Structures are given as structure tokens and as C-alpha cells.
Amino acid sequence: MRPPIDPIDEAAALAPDAARGESQSVAAGVPELDPVAAQRWRTMARPESPWLHEEIGQRMAQRLDWLVQRPSACLSWNPALGGLLSQQAVQARYPAARWQALDEQGQPQRQASGTALQPGQADLLWANMALHLYAQPQPLLACWRDWLRPEGLLFFSGLGPDTLLELRRVYQALGWPPPHQPYTDMHDWGDMLVQAGFSAPVLDMERLSLSYPSAERLLQDLREGGRNLHLQRPEGLRGRAHRQRLLHALEQQLPRTADGHLCLTVEVVYGHAVKSAPRVLVAASSTVALDDMRTLLRRPRSA
């Protein structure tokens, strides 16, 4: 059963950066994120997608309403993790489009029929709840860019730095290592998009409040929805005494709703951007890839 979700007040969502959680700069990537553990989580076989990913995917799909042109060639990034049901909802919007799924390394997944899309052909790349799971996001953004045609659209989402801030405070009070890896601020994601060759990035964020009837139910949901990927996480299994101490701390220290449910915050960052069209620098001698030259010749002279 899914915990209730309540959007948090808009004014709180736009709080100054100084009041926000720990975030990572664009240049550093996320050095505290364990890349081996992250890959293990991204590739783990799962009978269904995490429910929160499905919910966020449905919310991100609403942002497709502003699209004027209907895409005819679409890519879905790691749909089993991003949300199979939400991807199906997006596919239903564009029933005539060709769809190709990519795995978490950017390799095409097998499909029953049809010609597979090639890099540089996609009008739309859908990447739900992926970007925050890579220690070095720049290569990932470059991969997404390469799959898109010039002026193709990238839609993505991920977790922001205020995610699980209440849980971090409990761990800090106990003197324990962080319960999760840091998350990147949306302003840094915008910088990364521009550096990776995208233009006109648009980012916004939403804070969701998840409520739980008990600490046991809260821990179960955290376990089903993710892992602690921080490099400083404790090694090995923790005993029953540790678990009981954590449950007691959660019951005593987490904020509660008016009806007594425990609360956790999830900050969701949504973004979309356009793959920049190729440009030729003026020089005595210039080299242009054939596909880029074709794109340049098709563009109007005023572009």
C-alpha cells in the first residue's frame, strides 16, 4: 500500500539555498556515491518498478502537455527502474511513434519487432528518476545527447537535496553516517545540461510529503524504493539492537501529521532541454561531420 502524498507549500519549496540540504557541485559530480553499489541497484531485477518512481513519472508526463509537435521516434531510459506503467502512459500519448528502450548503460534493449533506433535519431528521450543515481552525470548527459537528433527533447527527473532531510537529522542525532548519498541541486543540473550540449534548459522542483502509520512501515518503503549508496555507509549487516534503536529514534524524532503519521520529505527535480543544433566555427579550415552538415543544410538561414 502506498503512503499518502501531499504537495508541500510552494513558498517552502522556494526557500533560500542556505536552508536546503547538502548538494553537490556540477564540477565534482557526486564523489560520495558508490558507483558499484549504484550500478547494482540500477540493474537489479525487479518484478515491478518502485511505486514512487511510477508516481513521479505520472507527474512528469503532465509536462508533455505543452508540446506542439508530436514526436515520432522516442527513447525510454531504463524503464524497469524509471517506471513501466508511467512509460506506458507516455507511449499512449504518442501511439504512432516508434519506441526503443535503453538499458542503464545506454545500450538498446531487445524488442519484439521494428527497426531499432540509432544514435542521433530520437525526437524525445524519456529518463525518469535516473540522473541522481550516477556518480559522474556528465557522461550520462552526453549519452542522452548523442541519442537525440539536433533539437530533440530530453525529459528527465531525479531527487533533489532536501530528500529525506528528516531522516538525515535523525542519523546525525544518533552520530551515525549519512543514510543516503548527497543529491545535486537543480541549478547545478542546469549548468550540466548546458555544458553537455543542451540549450534552453527548464527545471522546476516539487516537494512531496510522505506519511506513514509507523516506523516499521516507513523502513519497509525505504527498502523497497532504494538503497544507501553513500561510500561511508557501514559495512556488513546491522543487528537487531541497531534496528530497534533506529525504530525508536524514528518514532520519537520524526515530525508527524495532524493525525499522528510520521512524515518524510521527497524533493523531486523535473527538467527538460533541447539538444543544441550543430554550429560551425568560422576558421580558415573547418571539419564538420556528415550528419551535422545535413542538419545545417536543412535549417533555415535565419537560425
C-alpha atoms as a PDB file:
ATOM      1  CA  MET A   1       0.000   0.000   0.000  1.00  0.00           C
ATOM      2  CA  ARG A   2       1.373   3.386  -0.963  1.00  0.00           C
ATOM      3  CA  PRO A   3       1.794   6.044   1.740  1.00  0.00           C
ATOM      4  CA  PRO A   4      -0.212   9.246   1.243  1.00  0.00           C
ATOM      5  CA  ILE A   5       1.487  12.013  -0.741  1.00  0.00           C
ATOM      6  CA  ASP A   6       0.896  15.686  -0.005  1.00  0.00           C
ATOM      7  CA  PRO A   7       2.484  18.518  -2.017  1.00  0.00           C
ATOM      8  CA  ILE A   8       4.365  20.895   0.273  1.00  0.00           C
ATOM      9  CA  ASP A   9       3.655  24.620   0.301  1.00  0.00           C
ATOM     10  CA  GLU A  10       5.065  26.466  -2.731  1.00  0.00           C
ATOM     11  CA  ALA A  11       6.758  29.088  -0.543  1.00  0.00           C
ATOM     12  CA  ALA A  12       8.614  26.371   1.332  1.00  0.00           C
ATOM     13  CA  ALA A  13       9.676  24.805  -1.954  1.00  0.00           C
ATOM     14  CA  LEU A  14      11.283  28.086  -2.977  1.00  0.00           C
ATOM     15  CA  ALA A  15      13.206  28.514   0.278  1.00  0.00           C
ATOM     16  CA  PRO A  16      16.711  30.054   0.053  1.00  0.00           C
ATOM     17  CA  ASP A  17      19.553  27.680  -0.741  1.00  0.00           C
ATOM     18  CA  ALA A  18      21.086  28.262   2.691  1.00  0.00           C
ATOM     19  CA  ALA A  19      18.146  26.436   4.268  1.00  0.00           C
ATOM     20  CA  ARG A  20      18.362  23.469   1.942  1.00  0.00           C
ATOM     21  CA  GLY A  21      20.060  20.111   2.335  1.00  0.00           C
ATOM     22  CA  GLU A  22      23.558  19.107   1.268  1.00  0.00           C
ATOM     23  CA  SER A  23      24.060  19.198  -2.500  1.00  0.00           C
ATOM     24  CA  GLN A  24      26.844  18.522  -4.979  1.00  0.00           C
ATOM     25  CA  SER A  25      28.507  20.952  -7.388  1.00  0.00           C
ATOM     26  CA  VAL A  26      28.474  20.418 -11.122  1.00  0.00           C
ATOM     27  CA  ALA A  27      32.260  20.069 -11.374  1.00  0.00           C
ATOM     28  CA  ALA A  28      32.666  17.474  -8.626  1.00  0.00           C
ATOM     29  CA  GLY A  29      29.879  15.122  -9.663  1.00  0.00           C
ATOM     30  CA  VAL A  30      28.889  13.029  -6.644  1.00  0.00           C
ATOM     31  CA  PRO A  31      32.151  11.598  -5.243  1.00  0.00           C
ATOM     32  CA  GLU A  32      30.382  10.219  -2.159  1.00  0.00           C
ATOM     33  CA  LEU A  33      28.159   7.982  -4.313  1.00  0.00           C
ATOM     34  CA  ASP A  34      29.418   4.400  -4.520  1.00  0.00           C
ATOM     35  CA  PRO A  35      29.414   3.669  -8.290  1.00  0.00           C
ATOM     36  CA  VAL A  36      29.480  -0.120  -7.830  1.00  0.00           C
ATOM     37  CA  ALA A  37      26.540  -0.140  -5.423  1.00  0.00           C
ATOM     38  CA  ALA A  38      24.674   2.341  -7.629  1.00  0.00           C
ATOM     39  CA  GLN A  39      25.080   0.172 -10.703  1.00  0.00           C
ATOM     40  CA  ARG A  40      23.953  -2.882  -8.732  1.00  0.00           C
ATOM     41  CA  TRP A  41      20.774  -1.027  -7.742  1.00  0.00           C
ATOM     42  CA  ARG A  42      20.136   0.290 -11.263  1.00  0.00           C
ATOM     43  CA  THR A  43      20.457  -3.169 -12.837  1.00  0.00           C
ATOM     44  CA  MET A  44      18.727  -5.193 -10.124  1.00  0.00           C
ATOM     45  CA  ALA A  45      15.982  -7.482 -11.440  1.00  0.00           C
ATOM     46  CA  ARG A  46      12.651  -6.270 -10.079  1.00  0.00           C
ATOM     47  CA  PRO A  47       9.120  -7.612 -10.599  1.00  0.00           C
ATOM     48  CA  GLU A  48       7.738  -4.080 -10.775  1.00  0.00           C
ATOM     49  CA  SER A  49       9.014  -0.517 -10.728  1.00  0.00           C
ATOM     50  CA  PRO A  50       9.234   1.356  -7.400  1.00  0.00           C
ATOM     51  CA  TRP A  51       5.857   2.944  -6.715  1.00  0.00           C
ATOM     52  CA  LEU A  52       7.359   6.394  -6.085  1.00  0.00           C
ATOM     53  CA  HIS A  53       9.079   6.291  -9.470  1.00  0.00           C
ATOM     54  CA  GLU A  54       5.731   5.499 -11.068  1.00  0.00           C
ATOM     55  CA  GLU A  55       4.109   8.405  -9.253  1.00  0.00           C
ATOM     56  CA  ILE A  56       6.839  10.835 -10.281  1.00  0.00           C
ATOM     57  CA  GLY A  57       6.704   9.537 -13.850  1.00  0.00           C
ATOM     58  CA  GLN A  58       2.969  10.250 -13.997  1.00  0.00           C
ATOM     59  CA  ARG A  59       3.581  13.767 -12.718  1.00  0.00           C
ATOM     60  CA  MET A  60       6.365  14.333 -15.243  1.00  0.00           C
ATOM     61  CA  ALA A  61       4.108  13.107 -18.051  1.00  0.00           C
ATOM     62  CA  GLN A  62       1.802  16.056 -17.371  1.00  0.00           C
ATOM     63  CA  ARG A  63       4.634  18.319 -18.507  1.00  0.00           C
ATOM     64  CA  LEU A  64       4.293  16.893 -22.010  1.00  0.00           C
ATOM     65  CA  ASP A  65       1.038  18.815 -22.460  1.00  0.00           C
ATOM     66  CA  TRP A  66       2.884  21.879 -23.751  1.00  0.00           C
ATOM     67  CA  LEU A  67       4.493  20.003 -26.659  1.00  0.00           C
ATOM     68  CA  VAL A  68       3.211  21.280 -30.014  1.00  0.00           C
ATOM     69  CA  GLN A  69       4.851  18.733 -32.316  1.00  0.00           C
ATOM     70  CA  ARG A  70       4.235  15.069 -31.653  1.00  0.00           C
ATOM     71  CA  PRO A  71       7.458  13.027 -31.515  1.00  0.00           C
ATOM     72  CA  SER A  72       7.733  10.157 -33.975  1.00  0.00           C
ATOM     73  CA  ALA A  73      10.850   8.446 -32.552  1.00  0.00           C
ATOM     74  CA  CYS A  74      11.150   8.067 -28.760  1.00  0.00           C
ATOM     75  CA  LEU A  75      13.575   6.512 -26.290  1.00  0.00           C
ATOM     76  CA  SER A  76      12.914   5.352 -22.733  1.00  0.00           C
ATOM     77  CA  TRP A  77      15.876   5.148 -20.359  1.00  0.00           C
ATOM     78  CA  ASN A  78      15.954   2.057 -18.093  1.00  0.00           C
ATOM     79  CA  PRO A  79      12.146   1.797 -17.920  1.00  0.00           C
ATOM     80  CA  ALA A  80      12.062  -1.004 -15.327  1.00  0.00           C
ATOM     81  CA  LEU A  81      13.611   1.365 -12.789  1.00  0.00           C
ATOM     82  CA  GLY A  82      12.097   4.575 -14.148  1.00  0.00           C
ATOM     83  CA  GLY A  83       8.545   3.237 -14.138  1.00  0.00           C
ATOM     84  CA  LEU A  84       6.990   0.818 -16.602  1.00  0.00           C
ATOM     85  CA  LEU A  85       3.422   1.992 -16.025  1.00  0.00           C
ATOM     86  CA  SER A  86       4.265   5.677 -16.360  1.00  0.00           C
ATOM     87  CA  GLN A  87       6.205   4.930 -19.557  1.00  0.00           C
ATOM     88  CA  GLN A  88       3.153   3.147 -20.938  1.00  0.00           C
ATOM     89  CA  ALA A  89       1.123   6.271 -20.168  1.00  0.00           C
ATOM     90  CA  VAL A  90       3.605   8.349 -22.171  1.00  0.00           C
ATOM     91  CA  GLN A  91       3.515   5.850 -25.038  1.00  0.00           C
ATOM     92  CA  ALA A  92      -0.276   6.104 -25.085  1.00  0.00           C
ATOM     93  CA  ARG A  93       0.083   9.811 -25.804  1.00  0.00           C
ATOM     94  CA  TYR A  94       2.041   9.050 -28.974  1.00  0.00           C
ATOM     95  CA  PRO A  95       0.672   5.740 -30.309  1.00  0.00           C
ATOM     96  CA  ALA A  96       2.142   6.269 -33.778  1.00  0.00           C
ATOM     97  CA  ALA A  97       5.688   6.848 -32.519  1.00  0.00           C
ATOM     98  CA  ARG A  98       8.487   4.279 -32.631  1.00  0.00           C
ATOM     99  CA  TRP A  99       9.716   3.445 -29.132  1.00  0.00           C
ATOM    100  CA  GLN A 100      13.064   1.984 -28.115  1.00  0.00           C
ATOM    101  CA  ALA A 101      14.136   1.122 -24.560  1.00  0.00           C
ATOM    102  CA  LEU A 102      17.728   1.680 -23.447  1.00  0.00           C
ATOM    103  CA  ASP A 103      19.400  -0.013 -20.509  1.00  0.00           C
ATOM    104  CA  GLU A 104      21.269   1.873 -17.787  1.00  0.00           C
ATOM    105  CA  GLN A 105      24.456   1.864 -19.882  1.00  0.00           C
ATOM    106  CA  GLY A 106      22.719   3.307 -22.938  1.00  0.00           C
ATOM    107  CA  GLN A 107      22.516   0.038 -24.880  1.00  0.00           C
ATOM    108  CA  PRO A 108      19.312  -0.791 -26.797  1.00  0.00           C
ATOM    109  CA  GLN A 109      17.184  -3.452 -25.152  1.00  0.00           C
ATOM    110  CA  ARG A 110      15.740  -6.237 -27.228  1.00  0.00           C
ATOM    111  CA  GLN A 111      12.382  -5.539 -28.814  1.00  0.00           C
ATOM    112  CA  ALA A 112       9.932  -7.894 -30.453  1.00  0.00           C
ATOM    113  CA  SER A 113       9.619  -6.107 -33.785  1.00  0.00           C
ATOM    114  CA  GLY A 114      10.512  -2.987 -35.698  1.00  0.00           C
ATOM    115  CA  THR A 115      13.787  -1.396 -36.635  1.00  0.00           C
ATOM    116  CA  ALA A 116      15.857  -0.223 -33.690  1.00  0.00           C
ATOM    117  CA  LEU A 117      16.566   3.474 -33.427  1.00  0.00           C
ATOM    118  CA  GLN A 118      20.134   4.602 -33.978  1.00  0.00           C
ATOM    119  CA  PRO A 119      22.027   7.353 -32.132  1.00  0.00           C
ATOM    120  CA  GLY A 120      21.049  10.785 -33.377  1.00  0.00           C
ATOM    121  CA  GLN A 121      17.526   9.759 -34.463  1.00  0.00           C
ATOM    122  CA  ALA A 122      15.295  10.255 -31.412  1.00  0.00           C
ATOM    123  CA  ASP A 123      12.871  13.162 -31.145  1.00  0.00           C
ATOM    124  CA  LEU A 124      12.284  12.526 -27.420  1.00  0.00           C
ATOM    125  CA  LEU A 125      14.288  10.816 -24.678  1.00  0.00           C
ATOM    126  CA  TRP A 126      12.356   9.975 -21.507  1.00  0.00           C
ATOM    127  CA  ALA A 127      14.578   9.459 -18.421  1.00  0.00           C
ATOM    128  CA  ASN A 128      12.621   9.213 -15.191  1.00  0.00           C
ATOM    129  CA  MET A 129      14.433   9.003 -11.816  1.00  0.00           C
ATOM    130  CA  ALA A 130      17.892   8.254 -13.219  1.00  0.00           C
ATOM    131  CA  LEU A 131      20.254  11.230 -13.092  1.00  0.00           C
ATOM    132  CA  HIS A 132      20.791  11.204  -9.306  1.00  0.00           C
ATOM    133  CA  LEU A 133      21.988   7.569  -9.445  1.00  0.00           C
ATOM    134  CA  TYR A 134      25.247   8.264 -11.314  1.00  0.00           C
ATOM    135  CA  ALA A 135      28.451   9.417  -9.625  1.00  0.00           C
ATOM    136  CA  GLN A 136      29.541  11.149 -12.848  1.00  0.00           C
ATOM    137  CA  PRO A 137      26.434  12.581 -14.507  1.00  0.00           C
ATOM    138  CA  GLN A 138      28.239  14.360 -17.363  1.00  0.00           C
ATOM    139  CA  PRO A 139      28.938  11.164 -19.376  1.00  0.00           C
ATOM    140  CA  LEU A 140      25.299  10.195 -18.875  1.00  0.00           C
ATOM    141  CA  LEU A 141      24.090  13.535 -20.238  1.00  0.00           C
ATOM    142  CA  ALA A 142      26.470  13.170 -23.188  1.00  0.00           C
ATOM    143  CA  CYS A 143      24.981   9.733 -23.905  1.00  0.00           C
ATOM    144  CA  TRP A 144      21.466  11.160 -23.847  1.00  0.00           C
ATOM    145  CA  ARG A 145      22.554  13.986 -26.146  1.00  0.00           C
ATOM    146  CA  ASP A 146      24.083  11.563 -28.649  1.00  0.00           C
ATOM    147  CA  TRP A 147      20.866   9.549 -28.941  1.00  0.00           C
ATOM    148  CA  LEU A 148      18.810  12.646 -29.730  1.00  0.00           C
ATOM    149  CA  ARG A 149      18.579  14.301 -33.120  1.00  0.00           C
ATOM    150  CA  PRO A 150      19.525  18.005 -33.261  1.00  0.00           C
ATOM    151  CA  GLU A 151      16.755  19.952 -31.497  1.00  0.00           C
ATOM    152  CA  GLY A 152      15.422  16.714 -29.984  1.00  0.00           C
ATOM    153  CA  LEU A 153      13.927  16.905 -26.485  1.00  0.00           C
ATOM    154  CA  LEU A 154      15.182  15.421 -23.220  1.00  0.00           C
ATOM    155  CA  PHE A 155      12.704  14.958 -20.348  1.00  0.00           C
ATOM    156  CA  PHE A 156      14.125  13.792 -17.017  1.00  0.00           C
ATOM    157  CA  SER A 157      13.555  13.771 -13.274  1.00  0.00           C
ATOM    158  CA  GLY A 158      15.525  12.926 -10.148  1.00  0.00           C
ATOM    159  CA  LEU A 159      15.863  13.565  -6.446  1.00  0.00           C
ATOM    160  CA  GLY A 160      16.964  16.913  -5.010  1.00  0.00           C
ATOM    161  CA  PRO A 161      18.980  17.739  -1.871  1.00  0.00           C
ATOM    162  CA  ASP A 162      16.034  18.094   0.533  1.00  0.00           C
ATOM    163  CA  THR A 163      15.047  14.465   0.006  1.00  0.00           C
ATOM    164  CA  LEU A 164      14.845  12.597   3.346  1.00  0.00           C
ATOM    165  CA  LEU A 165      16.115  15.628   5.274  1.00  0.00           C
ATOM    166  CA  GLU A 166      14.204  14.457   8.373  1.00  0.00           C
ATOM    167  CA  LEU A 167      15.943  11.067   8.215  1.00  0.00           C
ATOM    168  CA  ARG A 168      19.347  12.749   7.946  1.00  0.00           C
ATOM    169  CA  ARG A 169      18.633  14.715  11.115  1.00  0.00           C
ATOM    170  CA  VAL A 170      17.774  11.522  12.996  1.00  0.00           C
ATOM    171  CA  TYR A 171      21.027   9.880  11.855  1.00  0.00           C
ATOM    172  CA  GLN A 172      23.020  12.962  12.797  1.00  0.00           C
ATOM    173  CA  ALA A 173      21.472  12.974  16.273  1.00  0.00           C
ATOM    174  CA  LEU A 174      22.476   9.323  16.689  1.00  0.00           C
ATOM    175  CA  GLY A 175      26.027  10.034  15.492  1.00  0.00           C
ATOM    176  CA  TRP A 176      25.656   7.672  12.536  1.00  0.00           C
ATOM    177  CA  PRO A 177      26.976   8.039   8.957  1.00  0.00           C
ATOM    178  CA  PRO A 178      24.563   9.556   6.397  1.00  0.00           C
ATOM    179  CA  PRO A 179      21.566   7.381   5.408  1.00  0.00           C
ATOM    180  CA  HIS A 180      21.991   8.165   1.698  1.00  0.00           C
ATOM    181  CA  GLN A 181      24.291   9.800  -0.835  1.00  0.00           C
ATOM    182  CA  PRO A 182      24.085  13.590  -1.449  1.00  0.00           C
ATOM    183  CA  TYR A 183      21.756  14.842  -4.158  1.00  0.00           C
ATOM    184  CA  THR A 184      22.567  17.548  -6.704  1.00  0.00           C
ATOM    185  CA  ASP A 185      20.815  20.920  -6.676  1.00  0.00           C
ATOM    186  CA  MET A 186      18.662  21.684  -9.713  1.00  0.00           C
ATOM    187  CA  HIS A 187      20.688  24.812 -10.531  1.00  0.00           C
ATOM    188  CA  ASP A 188      23.772  22.638 -10.977  1.00  0.00           C
ATOM    189  CA  TRP A 189      21.797  20.284 -13.185  1.00  0.00           C
ATOM    190  CA  GLY A 190      21.016  23.249 -15.421  1.00  0.00           C
ATOM    191  CA  ASP A 191      24.732  24.047 -15.683  1.00  0.00           C
ATOM    192  CA  MET A 192      25.476  20.410 -16.523  1.00  0.00           C
ATOM    193  CA  LEU A 193      22.897  20.394 -19.315  1.00  0.00           C
ATOM    194  CA  VAL A 194      24.440  23.453 -20.977  1.00  0.00           C
ATOM    195  CA  GLN A 195      27.950  22.013 -20.663  1.00  0.00           C
ATOM    196  CA  ALA A 196      26.739  18.736 -22.214  1.00  0.00           C
ATOM    197  CA  GLY A 197      25.426  20.456 -25.338  1.00  0.00           C
ATOM    198  CA  PHE A 198      21.793  21.165 -24.464  1.00  0.00           C
ATOM    199  CA  SER A 199      20.062  24.507 -24.758  1.00  0.00           C
ATOM    200  CA  ALA A 200      17.011  26.181 -23.218  1.00  0.00           C
ATOM    201  CA  PRO A 201      17.010  24.005 -20.073  1.00  0.00           C
ATOM    202  CA  VAL A 202      13.889  24.386 -17.938  1.00  0.00           C
ATOM    203  CA  LEU A 203      13.932  22.994 -14.407  1.00  0.00           C
ATOM    204  CA  ASP A 204      11.444  23.082 -11.583  1.00  0.00           C
ATOM    205  CA  MET A 205      11.067  21.211  -8.363  1.00  0.00           C
ATOM    206  CA  GLU A 206       8.311  19.830  -6.206  1.00  0.00           C
ATOM    207  CA  ARG A 207       8.454  18.760  -2.605  1.00  0.00           C
ATOM    208  CA  LEU A 208       6.291  15.831  -1.589  1.00  0.00           C
ATOM    209  CA  SER A 209       5.448  14.800   1.951  1.00  0.00           C
ATOM    210  CA  LEU A 210       5.110  11.050   2.510  1.00  0.00           C
ATOM    211  CA  SER A 211       3.268   9.937   5.650  1.00  0.00           C
ATOM    212  CA  TYR A 212       3.455   6.561   7.380  1.00  0.00           C
ATOM    213  CA  PRO A 213       1.473   4.972  10.224  1.00  0.00           C
ATOM    214  CA  SER A 214       4.605   3.503  11.825  1.00  0.00           C
ATOM    215  CA  ALA A 215       8.396   3.446  11.659  1.00  0.00           C
ATOM    216  CA  GLU A 216       8.231  -0.198  10.546  1.00  0.00           C
ATOM    217  CA  ARG A 217       6.151   0.734   7.511  1.00  0.00           C
ATOM    218  CA  LEU A 218       8.468   3.653   6.751  1.00  0.00           C
ATOM    219  CA  LEU A 219      11.578   1.451   6.765  1.00  0.00           C
ATOM    220  CA  GLN A 220       9.839  -1.094   4.555  1.00  0.00           C
ATOM    221  CA  ASP A 221       9.040   1.590   1.998  1.00  0.00           C
ATOM    222  CA  LEU A 222      12.604   2.936   2.049  1.00  0.00           C
ATOM    223  CA  ARG A 223      13.945  -0.563   1.487  1.00  0.00           C
ATOM    224  CA  GLU A 224      11.638  -1.187  -1.458  1.00  0.00           C
ATOM    225  CA  GLY A 225      12.366   2.179  -3.068  1.00  0.00           C
ATOM    226  CA  GLY A 226      16.139   2.483  -2.825  1.00  0.00           C
ATOM    227  CA  ARG A 227      19.432   1.779  -1.094  1.00  0.00           C
ATOM    228  CA  ASN A 228      22.000   3.750   0.879  1.00  0.00           C
ATOM    229  CA  LEU A 229      24.619   4.357  -1.828  1.00  0.00           C
ATOM    230  CA  HIS A 230      26.907   6.533   0.293  1.00  0.00           C
ATOM    231  CA  LEU A 231      30.548   5.426   0.323  1.00  0.00           C
ATOM    232  CA  GLN A 232      30.659   5.992   4.099  1.00  0.00           C
ATOM    233  CA  ARG A 233      27.770   3.647   4.840  1.00  0.00           C
ATOM    234  CA  PRO A 234      28.589   0.935   7.401  1.00  0.00           C
ATOM    235  CA  GLU A 235      29.922  -2.349   6.062  1.00  0.00           C
ATOM    236  CA  GLY A 236      28.137  -5.606   6.787  1.00  0.00           C
ATOM    237  CA  LEU A 237      24.746  -6.280   8.327  1.00  0.00           C
ATOM    238  CA  ARG A 238      23.435  -4.466  11.384  1.00  0.00           C
ATOM    239  CA  GLY A 239      21.931  -6.423  14.278  1.00  0.00           C
ATOM    240  CA  ARG A 240      18.505  -6.375  15.892  1.00  0.00           C
ATOM    241  CA  ALA A 241      19.642  -3.916  18.557  1.00  0.00           C
ATOM    242  CA  HIS A 242      20.624  -1.403  15.879  1.00  0.00           C
ATOM    243  CA  ARG A 243      17.260  -1.802  14.158  1.00  0.00           C
ATOM    244  CA  GLN A 244      15.329  -1.345  17.380  1.00  0.00           C
ATOM    245  CA  ARG A 245      17.323   1.763  18.218  1.00  0.00           C
ATOM    246  CA  LEU A 246      16.573   3.193  14.768  1.00  0.00           C
ATOM    247  CA  LEU A 247      12.859   2.400  15.024  1.00  0.00           C
ATOM    248  CA  HIS A 248      12.689   4.054  18.436  1.00  0.00           C
ATOM    249  CA  ALA A 249      14.533   7.153  17.162  1.00  0.00           C
ATOM    250  CA  LEU A 250      12.222   7.460  14.164  1.00  0.00           C
ATOM    251  CA  GLU A 251       9.124   7.204  16.326  1.00  0.00           C
ATOM    252  CA  GLN A 252      10.461   9.819  18.729  1.00  0.00           C
ATOM    253  CA  GLN A 253      12.176  12.319  16.420  1.00  0.00           C
ATOM    254  CA  LEU A 254      10.399  12.421  13.054  1.00  0.00           C
ATOM    255  CA  PRO A 255       7.707  15.078  12.564  1.00  0.00           C
ATOM    256  CA  ARG A 256       4.095  13.941  12.469  1.00  0.00           C
ATOM    257  CA  THR A 257       0.933  14.922  10.651  1.00  0.00           C
ATOM    258  CA  ALA A 258      -2.167  16.120  12.454  1.00  0.00           C
ATOM    259  CA  ASP A 259      -3.423  12.519  12.616  1.00  0.00           C
ATOM    260  CA  GLY A 260      -0.132  11.246  14.061  1.00  0.00           C
ATOM    261  CA  HIS A 261       1.541   9.788  10.957  1.00  0.00           C
ATOM    262  CA  LEU A 262       5.319  10.044  10.559  1.00  0.00           C
ATOM    263  CA  CYS A 263       6.498  12.385   7.770  1.00  0.00           C
ATOM    264  CA  LEU A 264       9.350  12.313   5.265  1.00  0.00           C
ATOM    265  CA  THR A 265      10.118  14.869   2.550  1.00  0.00           C
ATOM    266  CA  VAL A 266      10.996  13.959  -1.039  1.00  0.00           C
ATOM    267  CA  GLU A 267      12.290  16.747  -3.287  1.00  0.00           C
ATOM    268  CA  VAL A 268      11.714  15.963  -6.960  1.00  0.00           C
ATOM    269  CA  VAL A 269      13.523  17.871  -9.703  1.00  0.00           C
ATOM    270  CA  TYR A 270      11.957  17.877 -13.177  1.00  0.00           C
ATOM    271  CA  GLY A 271      13.780  19.110 -16.250  1.00  0.00           C
ATOM    272  CA  HIS A 272      13.628  19.292 -19.994  1.00  0.00           C
ATOM    273  CA  ALA A 273      16.079  20.648 -22.531  1.00  0.00           C
ATOM    274  CA  VAL A 274      16.730  20.746 -26.263  1.00  0.00           C
ATOM    275  CA  LYS A 275      19.761  19.213 -27.924  1.00  0.00           C
ATOM    276  CA  SER A 276      21.627  22.149 -29.409  1.00  0.00           C
ATOM    277  CA  ALA A 277      21.850  22.247 -33.194  1.00  0.00           C
ATOM    278  CA  PRO A 278      25.402  21.924 -34.552  1.00  0.00           C
ATOM    279  CA  ARG A 279      27.298  25.111 -35.267  1.00  0.00           C
ATOM    280  CA  VAL A 280      30.388  25.612 -37.386  1.00  0.00           C
ATOM    281  CA  LEU A 281      33.042  27.946 -36.037  1.00  0.00           C
ATOM    282  CA  VAL A 282      34.473  30.370 -38.552  1.00  0.00           C
ATOM    283  CA  ALA A 283      38.073  29.367 -39.295  1.00  0.00           C
ATOM    284  CA  ALA A 284      40.497  29.016 -42.186  1.00  0.00           C
ATOM    285  CA  SER A 285      39.704  25.291 -42.241  1.00  0.00           C
ATOM    286  CA  SER A 286      36.670  23.623 -40.618  1.00  0.00           C
ATOM    287  CA  THR A 287      35.714  19.974 -40.231  1.00  0.00           C
ATOM    288  CA  VAL A 288      32.042  19.052 -39.999  1.00  0.00           C
ATOM    289  CA  ALA A 289      30.549  15.585 -39.510  1.00  0.00           C
ATOM    290  CA  LEU A 290      28.329  14.448 -42.388  1.00  0.00           C
ATOM    291  CA  ASP A 291      25.197  14.183 -40.231  1.00  0.00           C
ATOM    292  CA  ASP A 292      25.844  17.661 -38.809  1.00  0.00           C
ATOM    293  CA  MET A 293      26.284  19.063 -42.317  1.00  0.00           C
ATOM    294  CA  ARG A 294      22.940  17.595 -43.368  1.00  0.00           C
ATOM    295  CA  THR A 295      21.313  19.220 -40.329  1.00  0.00           C
ATOM    296  CA  LEU A 296      22.917  22.576 -41.096  1.00  0.00           C
ATOM    297  CA  LEU A 297      21.709  22.462 -44.698  1.00  0.00           C
ATOM    298  CA  ARG A 298      18.147  21.691 -43.622  1.00  0.00           C
ATOM    299  CA  ARG A 299      17.993  24.601 -41.166  1.00  0.00           C
ATOM    300  CA  PRO A 300      16.567  27.982 -42.309  1.00  0.00           C
ATOM    301  CA  ARG A 301      19.163  30.671 -42.942  1.00  0.00           C
ATOM    302  CA  SER A 302      17.885  32.804 -40.075  1.00  0.00           C
ATOM    303  CA  ALA A 303      18.704  30.097 -37.466  1.00  0.00           C
END
